Amino acid sequence: MNKPDKKITEFILKHHVLTLATSADNSPWCANCFYVYSCSLIIPLKNSTSFFK
């Protein structure tokens, strides 16, 4: 398996939260994921979701 590009790895190492947003039936949804990056593996720290109306 190929390693990710160095720029991507540096970006991921500088951060620790991923925010994923989408919408369904004209309602937006948002989820935050705290993570730790180890080599080429991202390990989620907490499983939580939230939504906005």
C-alpha atoms as a PDB file:
ATOM      1  CA  MET A   1       0.000   0.000   0.000  1.00  0.00           C
ATOM      2  CA  ASN A   2       1.325   3.451  -0.911  1.00  0.00           C
ATOM      3  CA  LYS A   3       1.926   6.039   1.801  1.00  0.00           C
ATOM      4  CA  PRO A   4      -0.145   9.248   1.638  1.00  0.00           C
ATOM      5  CA  ASP A   5       1.404  12.362   0.139  1.00  0.00           C
ATOM      6  CA  LYS A   6       3.679  14.206   2.608  1.00  0.00           C
ATOM      7  CA  LYS A   7       1.525  17.376   2.458  1.00  0.00           C
ATOM      8  CA  ILE A   8      -1.568  15.392   3.423  1.00  0.00           C
ATOM      9  CA  THR A   9       0.256  13.712   6.305  1.00  0.00           C
ATOM     10  CA  GLU A  10       1.548  17.074   7.603  1.00  0.00           C
ATOM     11  CA  PHE A  11      -1.971  18.559   7.454  1.00  0.00           C
ATOM     12  CA  ILE A  12      -3.512  15.614   9.334  1.00  0.00           C
ATOM     13  CA  LEU A  13      -0.776  15.767  12.001  1.00  0.00           C
ATOM     14  CA  LYS A  14      -1.475  19.477  12.635  1.00  0.00           C
ATOM     15  CA  HIS A  15      -5.166  18.852  13.360  1.00  0.00           C
ATOM     16  CA  HIS A  16      -7.198  16.527  15.575  1.00  0.00           C
ATOM     17  CA  VAL A  17     -10.838  17.126  14.603  1.00  0.00           C
ATOM     18  CA  LEU A  18     -12.632  16.187  11.390  1.00  0.00           C
ATOM     19  CA  THR A  19     -16.022  17.799  10.699  1.00  0.00           C
ATOM     20  CA  LEU A  20     -18.295  16.038   8.239  1.00  0.00           C
ATOM     21  CA  ALA A  21     -21.392  17.874   7.006  1.00  0.00           C
ATOM     22  CA  THR A  22     -24.167  16.814   4.655  1.00  0.00           C
ATOM     23  CA  SER A  23     -27.891  17.313   4.137  1.00  0.00           C
ATOM     24  CA  ALA A  24     -30.925  15.106   3.605  1.00  0.00           C
ATOM     25  CA  ASP A  25     -34.433  16.280   2.745  1.00  0.00           C
ATOM     26  CA  ASN A  26     -33.251  19.902   2.966  1.00  0.00           C
ATOM     27  CA  SER A  27     -32.011  19.406   6.574  1.00  0.00           C
ATOM     28  CA  PRO A  28     -28.297  19.882   7.303  1.00  0.00           C
ATOM     29  CA  TRP A  29     -26.416  17.363   9.468  1.00  0.00           C
ATOM     30  CA  CYS A  30     -22.974  17.765  11.014  1.00  0.00           C
ATOM     31  CA  ALA A  31     -20.695  15.351  12.895  1.00  0.00           C
ATOM     32  CA  ASN A  32     -17.348  16.005  14.598  1.00  0.00           C
ATOM     33  CA  CYS A  33     -14.735  13.270  14.922  1.00  0.00           C
ATOM     34  CA  PHE A  34     -11.694  13.610  17.197  1.00  0.00           C
ATOM     35  CA  TYR A  35      -8.781  11.483  15.991  1.00  0.00           C
ATOM     36  CA  VAL A  36      -5.158  10.491  16.466  1.00  0.00           C
ATOM     37  CA  TYR A  37      -3.025   9.866  13.382  1.00  0.00           C
ATOM     38  CA  SER A  38      -0.528   7.021  13.604  1.00  0.00           C
ATOM     39  CA  CYS A  39       1.484   6.270  10.409  1.00  0.00           C
ATOM     40  CA  SER A  40      -1.275   5.677   7.862  1.00  0.00           C
ATOM     41  CA  LEU A  41      -4.028   4.812  10.342  1.00  0.00           C
ATOM     42  CA  ILE A  42      -6.571   7.280  11.724  1.00  0.00           C
ATOM     43  CA  ILE A  43      -7.958   6.233  15.109  1.00  0.00           C
ATOM     44  CA  PRO A  44     -11.255   7.836  16.205  1.00  0.00           C
ATOM     45  CA  LEU A  45     -11.211   8.933  19.859  1.00  0.00           C
ATOM     46  CA  LYS A  46     -14.914   9.488  20.476  1.00  0.00           C
ATOM     47  CA  ASN A  47     -18.038   8.410  18.670  1.00  0.00           C
ATOM     48  CA  SER A  48     -20.458  11.336  18.672  1.00  0.00           C
ATOM     49  CA  THR A  49     -22.765  13.064  16.226  1.00  0.00           C
ATOM     50  CA  SER A  50     -24.905  16.156  16.297  1.00  0.00           C
ATOM     51  CA  PHE A  51     -27.299  17.862  13.944  1.00  0.00           C
ATOM     52  CA  PHE A  52     -28.591  21.334  13.300  1.00  0.00           C
ATOM     53  CA  LYS A  53     -32.064  22.357  12.137  1.00  0.00           C
END
